[in-house]
């Protein structure tokens, strides 16, 4: 089923895709070794296929965010994968976040009437 983007729908003209025509979904490639920089803590749930990245330790004492290049490269490589869910924490400091940008009125002003 993963190979058919717009499969033929059964109708009077076609039977559609038969079960016998569907190849099984291939097994995902294993993840590379998780970086161990001390600036980001990585955890992978093999059953749910969820990769957690906690960047909270990447904040310096002066509240400046400094990501290790190895963590950044790994994070970007994992974003390209379609076989895992990547969840990150610590990219945005609560002190630096303006609560006004999360209000519905601001979203309507920026996005208009269509939300995605």
N, C-alpha and C. Protein backbone atom coordinates (compact mmCIF):
# COMPACT_ATOMS: atom_id res chain seq x y z
N UNK A 1 0.83 -1.20 0.00
CA UNK A 1 0.00 0.00 0.00
C UNK A 1 0.86 1.25 0.00
N UNK A 2 2.05 1.19 0.55
CA UNK A 2 2.89 2.38 0.63
C UNK A 2 3.40 2.82 -0.75
N UNK A 3 3.31 1.94 -1.75
CA UNK A 3 3.79 2.28 -3.08
C UNK A 3 2.73 2.98 -3.93
N UNK A 4 1.49 2.98 -3.50
CA UNK A 4 0.41 3.54 -4.29
C UNK A 4 -0.04 4.86 -3.69
N UNK A 5 0.29 5.95 -4.38
CA UNK A 5 -0.13 7.27 -3.91
C UNK A 5 -1.61 7.50 -4.19
N UNK A 6 -2.03 7.27 -5.41
CA UNK A 6 -3.43 7.40 -5.81
C UNK A 6 -3.88 6.09 -6.45
N UNK A 7 -4.19 5.10 -5.64
CA UNK A 7 -4.55 3.81 -6.23
C UNK A 7 -5.90 3.89 -6.92
N UNK A 8 -6.11 3.06 -7.94
CA UNK A 8 -7.42 3.03 -8.60
C UNK A 8 -8.48 2.58 -7.60
N UNK A 9 -9.60 3.26 -7.62
CA UNK A 9 -10.70 2.93 -6.72
C UNK A 9 -11.60 1.92 -7.44
N UNK A 10 -12.05 0.91 -6.73
CA UNK A 10 -12.94 -0.05 -7.37
C UNK A 10 -14.17 0.65 -7.96
N UNK A 11 -14.49 0.30 -9.19
CA UNK A 11 -15.65 0.88 -9.87
C UNK A 11 -16.12 -0.11 -10.91
N UNK A 12 -17.03 0.33 -11.78
CA UNK A 12 -17.49 -0.56 -12.85
C UNK A 12 -16.41 -0.79 -13.90
N UNK A 13 -15.35 0.07 -13.89
CA UNK A 13 -14.29 -0.04 -14.89
C UNK A 13 -13.05 -0.79 -14.39
N UNK A 14 -12.86 -0.82 -13.09
CA UNK A 14 -11.65 -1.45 -12.53
C UNK A 14 -11.99 -2.11 -11.21
N UNK A 15 -11.21 -3.12 -10.87
CA UNK A 15 -11.38 -3.77 -9.57
C UNK A 15 -10.58 -3.06 -8.50
N UNK A 16 -9.82 -2.05 -8.90
CA UNK A 16 -8.96 -1.37 -7.94
C UNK A 16 -7.70 -2.18 -7.71
N UNK A 17 -7.08 -1.98 -6.59
CA UNK A 17 -5.86 -2.72 -6.22
C UNK A 17 -6.28 -3.97 -5.45
N UNK A 18 -5.80 -5.08 -5.91
CA UNK A 18 -6.08 -6.34 -5.22
C UNK A 18 -5.05 -6.56 -4.12
N UNK A 19 -5.46 -7.22 -3.07
CA UNK A 19 -4.57 -7.48 -1.94
C UNK A 19 -3.29 -8.16 -2.40
N UNK A 20 -3.41 -9.06 -3.35
CA UNK A 20 -2.24 -9.81 -3.83
C UNK A 20 -1.24 -8.91 -4.54
N UNK A 21 -1.66 -7.71 -4.97
CA UNK A 21 -0.77 -6.79 -5.66
C UNK A 21 0.02 -5.90 -4.70
N UNK A 22 -0.35 -5.93 -3.43
CA UNK A 22 0.30 -5.07 -2.45
C UNK A 22 1.52 -5.75 -1.85
N UNK A 23 2.64 -5.08 -1.93
CA UNK A 23 3.85 -5.58 -1.28
C UNK A 23 3.83 -5.13 0.18
N UNK A 24 4.41 -5.92 1.06
CA UNK A 24 4.46 -5.49 2.46
C UNK A 24 5.33 -4.24 2.61
N UNK A 25 5.04 -3.46 3.61
CA UNK A 25 5.86 -2.28 3.90
C UNK A 25 7.24 -2.76 4.34
N UNK A 26 8.29 -2.21 3.76
CA UNK A 26 9.63 -2.69 4.14
C UNK A 26 9.97 -2.30 5.58
N UNK A 27 10.83 -3.10 6.18
CA UNK A 27 11.28 -2.79 7.53
C UNK A 27 12.13 -1.52 7.50
N UNK A 28 12.01 -0.67 8.51
CA UNK A 28 12.81 0.56 8.54
C UNK A 28 14.28 0.27 8.80
N UNK A 29 15.10 1.15 8.30
CA UNK A 29 16.54 1.06 8.57
C UNK A 29 16.78 1.40 10.05
N UNK A 30 17.77 0.79 10.67
CA UNK A 30 18.07 1.12 12.07
C UNK A 30 18.59 2.56 12.17
N UNK A 31 18.38 3.15 13.33
CA UNK A 31 18.90 4.49 13.57
C UNK A 31 20.41 4.43 13.74
N UNK A 32 21.10 5.48 13.30
CA UNK A 32 22.53 5.53 13.61
C UNK A 32 22.72 5.69 15.12
N UNK A 33 23.93 5.54 15.56
CA UNK A 33 24.21 5.70 16.99
C UNK A 33 23.84 7.11 17.43
N UNK A 34 23.17 7.21 18.57
CA UNK A 34 22.75 8.52 19.09
C UNK A 34 23.98 9.30 19.55
N UNK A 35 24.04 10.61 19.23
CA UNK A 35 25.18 11.41 19.69
C UNK A 35 25.22 11.48 21.21
N UNK A 36 26.40 11.63 21.74
CA UNK A 36 26.58 11.75 23.19
C UNK A 36 27.46 12.96 23.47
N UNK A 37 26.91 14.15 23.24
CA UNK A 37 27.68 15.38 23.38
C UNK A 37 27.55 16.02 24.76
N UNK A 38 26.54 15.60 25.50
CA UNK A 38 26.29 16.22 26.80
C UNK A 38 25.47 17.50 26.68
N UNK A 39 25.25 17.96 25.45
CA UNK A 39 24.45 19.18 25.23
C UNK A 39 23.00 18.85 24.88
N UNK A 40 22.78 17.66 24.37
CA UNK A 40 21.44 17.19 24.04
C UNK A 40 21.33 15.74 24.50
N UNK A 41 20.21 15.42 25.11
CA UNK A 41 20.00 14.05 25.57
C UNK A 41 18.98 13.39 24.66
N UNK A 42 19.41 12.28 24.06
CA UNK A 42 18.61 11.56 23.08
C UNK A 42 18.06 10.29 23.70
N UNK A 43 16.82 9.95 23.33
CA UNK A 43 16.21 8.71 23.79
C UNK A 43 15.32 8.19 22.66
N UNK A 44 15.41 6.89 22.37
CA UNK A 44 14.62 6.32 21.29
C UNK A 44 13.77 5.18 21.81
N UNK A 45 12.46 5.27 21.57
CA UNK A 45 11.52 4.21 21.91
C UNK A 45 11.37 3.33 20.67
N UNK A 46 11.95 2.14 20.72
CA UNK A 46 11.98 1.26 19.55
C UNK A 46 10.60 0.73 19.17
N UNK A 47 9.73 0.57 20.14
CA UNK A 47 8.40 0.03 19.85
C UNK A 47 7.52 1.07 19.17
N UNK A 48 7.48 2.28 19.73
CA UNK A 48 6.67 3.35 19.15
C UNK A 48 7.39 4.11 18.04
N UNK A 49 8.70 3.89 17.94
CA UNK A 49 9.56 4.56 16.95
C UNK A 49 9.52 6.08 17.13
N UNK A 50 9.65 6.50 18.39
CA UNK A 50 9.68 7.93 18.72
C UNK A 50 11.08 8.26 19.23
N UNK A 51 11.68 9.27 18.61
CA UNK A 51 12.99 9.76 19.02
C UNK A 51 12.80 11.07 19.77
N UNK A 52 13.29 11.11 21.00
CA UNK A 52 13.18 12.31 21.84
C UNK A 52 14.54 13.00 21.87
N UNK A 53 14.52 14.33 21.70
CA UNK A 53 15.74 15.13 21.78
C UNK A 53 15.51 16.25 22.79
N UNK A 54 16.25 16.25 23.86
CA UNK A 54 16.12 17.28 24.89
C UNK A 54 17.33 18.21 24.82
N UNK A 55 17.09 19.41 24.28
CA UNK A 55 18.14 20.40 24.10
C UNK A 55 18.23 21.37 25.28
N UNK A 56 17.57 21.09 26.38
CA UNK A 56 17.57 22.00 27.53
C UNK A 56 18.98 22.28 28.04
N UNK A 57 19.87 21.33 27.91
CA UNK A 57 21.24 21.52 28.38
C UNK A 57 22.09 22.33 27.41
N UNK A 58 21.52 22.73 26.28
CA UNK A 58 22.25 23.53 25.29
C UNK A 58 22.18 25.02 25.57
N UNK A 59 21.49 25.39 26.65
CA UNK A 59 21.38 26.80 27.01
C UNK A 59 22.52 27.15 27.94
N UNK A 60 23.26 28.19 27.58
CA UNK A 60 24.38 28.63 28.41
C UNK A 60 23.86 29.44 29.59
N UNK A 61 24.75 29.80 30.50
CA UNK A 61 24.36 30.54 31.70
C UNK A 61 23.77 31.91 31.37
N UNK A 62 24.12 32.49 30.23
CA UNK A 62 23.59 33.80 29.85
C UNK A 62 22.32 33.67 28.99
N UNK A 63 21.65 32.53 29.06
CA UNK A 63 20.42 32.23 28.31
C UNK A 63 20.63 32.17 26.80
N UNK A 64 21.86 32.05 26.35
CA UNK A 64 22.14 31.92 24.93
C UNK A 64 22.08 30.44 24.56
N UNK A 65 21.38 30.15 23.48
CA UNK A 65 21.24 28.77 23.02
C UNK A 65 22.42 28.43 22.12
N UNK A 66 23.11 27.35 22.42
CA UNK A 66 24.27 26.94 21.61
C UNK A 66 24.19 25.43 21.39
N UNK A 67 23.74 25.05 20.20
CA UNK A 67 23.61 23.63 19.87
C UNK A 67 24.96 23.09 19.38
N UNK A 68 25.29 21.90 19.81
CA UNK A 68 26.51 21.26 19.35
C UNK A 68 26.30 20.87 17.88
N UNK A 69 27.28 21.12 17.03
CA UNK A 69 27.12 20.79 15.59
C UNK A 69 26.79 19.32 15.34
N UNK A 70 27.29 18.42 16.18
CA UNK A 70 26.98 17.00 15.99
C UNK A 70 25.51 16.72 16.28
N UNK A 71 24.98 17.37 17.33
CA UNK A 71 23.55 17.22 17.63
C UNK A 71 22.70 17.83 16.52
N UNK A 72 23.12 18.97 16.03
CA UNK A 72 22.37 19.63 14.97
C UNK A 72 22.32 18.77 13.71
N UNK A 73 23.47 18.22 13.32
CA UNK A 73 23.53 17.38 12.13
C UNK A 73 22.64 16.15 12.29
N UNK A 74 22.73 15.52 13.46
CA UNK A 74 21.93 14.32 13.70
C UNK A 74 20.44 14.67 13.69
N UNK A 75 20.07 15.77 14.34
CA UNK A 75 18.68 16.21 14.39
C UNK A 75 18.14 16.44 12.97
N UNK A 76 18.89 17.14 12.14
CA UNK A 76 18.45 17.41 10.78
C UNK A 76 18.34 16.13 9.95
N UNK A 77 19.26 15.20 10.14
CA UNK A 77 19.18 13.92 9.44
C UNK A 77 17.94 13.13 9.86
N UNK A 78 17.60 13.20 11.14
CA UNK A 78 16.43 12.47 11.63
C UNK A 78 15.13 13.12 11.15
N UNK A 79 15.13 14.43 10.93
CA UNK A 79 13.95 15.11 10.40
C UNK A 79 13.61 14.61 8.99
N UNK A 80 14.60 14.15 8.26
CA UNK A 80 14.39 13.68 6.90
C UNK A 80 13.77 12.28 6.84
N UNK A 81 13.77 11.59 7.95
CA UNK A 81 13.26 10.22 7.96
C UNK A 81 11.74 10.21 8.07
N UNK A 82 11.11 9.28 7.38
CA UNK A 82 9.66 9.16 7.46
C UNK A 82 9.21 7.94 8.26
N UNK A 83 10.16 7.28 8.91
CA UNK A 83 9.82 6.08 9.66
C UNK A 83 9.90 6.29 11.17
N UNK A 84 10.14 7.51 11.61
CA UNK A 84 10.18 7.82 13.05
C UNK A 84 9.42 9.12 13.29
N UNK A 85 9.04 9.32 14.54
CA UNK A 85 8.50 10.60 14.98
C UNK A 85 9.58 11.24 15.83
N UNK A 86 9.92 12.48 15.52
CA UNK A 86 10.97 13.19 16.25
C UNK A 86 10.33 14.27 17.11
N UNK A 87 10.57 14.20 18.41
CA UNK A 87 10.03 15.18 19.35
C UNK A 87 11.21 15.88 20.00
N UNK A 88 11.18 17.22 19.99
CA UNK A 88 12.28 17.96 20.60
C UNK A 88 11.77 18.84 21.72
N UNK A 89 12.67 19.11 22.65
CA UNK A 89 12.36 19.96 23.80
C UNK A 89 13.56 20.86 24.05
N UNK A 90 13.29 22.10 24.44
CA UNK A 90 14.37 22.99 24.84
C UNK A 90 14.89 23.92 23.77
N UNK A 91 14.26 23.94 22.58
CA UNK A 91 14.71 24.87 21.54
C UNK A 91 14.35 26.32 21.89
N UNK A 92 13.22 26.50 22.54
CA UNK A 92 12.75 27.85 22.84
C UNK A 92 12.69 28.03 24.35
N UNK A 93 13.31 29.08 24.82
CA UNK A 93 13.29 29.39 26.25
C UNK A 93 11.94 30.01 26.60
N UNK A 94 11.35 29.58 27.70
CA UNK A 94 10.07 30.14 28.13
C UNK A 94 10.22 31.64 28.41
N UNK A 95 11.40 32.06 28.88
CA UNK A 95 11.62 33.48 29.16
C UNK A 95 11.66 34.30 27.87
N UNK A 96 12.15 33.69 26.80
CA UNK A 96 12.29 34.41 25.53
C UNK A 96 11.02 34.38 24.68
N UNK A 97 10.06 33.53 25.05
CA UNK A 97 8.86 33.37 24.24
C UNK A 97 7.82 34.43 24.60
N UNK A 98 7.31 35.09 23.58
CA UNK A 98 6.28 36.10 23.77
C UNK A 98 4.92 35.39 23.78
N UNK A 99 4.18 35.43 24.90
CA UNK A 99 2.90 34.73 24.95
C UNK A 99 1.86 35.29 23.99
N UNK A 100 2.05 36.51 23.53
CA UNK A 100 1.09 37.11 22.61
C UNK A 100 1.03 36.38 21.26
N UNK A 101 2.15 35.80 20.83
CA UNK A 101 2.16 35.14 19.52
C UNK A 101 1.37 33.84 19.52
N UNK A 102 1.01 33.31 20.69
CA UNK A 102 0.25 32.06 20.77
C UNK A 102 -1.25 32.30 20.92
N UNK A 103 -1.66 33.55 20.96
CA UNK A 103 -3.08 33.85 21.11
C UNK A 103 -3.78 33.71 19.75
N UNK A 104 -5.04 33.31 19.80
CA UNK A 104 -5.81 33.05 18.59
C UNK A 104 -5.88 34.29 17.70
N UNK A 105 -6.05 35.46 18.29
CA UNK A 105 -6.16 36.67 17.49
C UNK A 105 -4.88 36.92 16.68
N UNK A 106 -3.73 36.70 17.30
CA UNK A 106 -2.47 36.86 16.57
C UNK A 106 -2.38 35.85 15.43
N UNK A 107 -2.77 34.59 15.70
CA UNK A 107 -2.72 33.56 14.65
C UNK A 107 -3.63 33.94 13.49
N UNK A 108 -4.82 34.46 13.79
CA UNK A 108 -5.73 34.87 12.73
C UNK A 108 -5.14 36.02 11.91
N UNK A 109 -4.47 36.95 12.58
CA UNK A 109 -3.85 38.08 11.88
C UNK A 109 -2.73 37.61 10.96
N UNK A 110 -1.97 36.64 11.41
CA UNK A 110 -0.82 36.16 10.64
C UNK A 110 -1.25 35.17 9.55
N UNK A 111 -2.13 34.20 9.92
CA UNK A 111 -2.48 33.11 9.02
C UNK A 111 -3.72 33.37 8.19
N UNK A 112 -4.55 34.29 8.63
CA UNK A 112 -5.83 34.47 7.95
C UNK A 112 -6.83 33.47 8.48
N UNK A 113 -7.75 33.08 7.63
CA UNK A 113 -8.83 32.19 8.05
C UNK A 113 -8.52 30.71 7.89
N UNK A 114 -7.45 30.39 7.14
CA UNK A 114 -7.13 28.99 6.88
C UNK A 114 -6.00 28.52 7.77
N UNK A 115 -6.25 27.49 8.56
CA UNK A 115 -5.23 26.90 9.43
C UNK A 115 -4.83 25.56 8.83
N UNK A 116 -3.59 25.21 8.97
CA UNK A 116 -3.10 23.94 8.46
C UNK A 116 -2.57 23.12 9.58
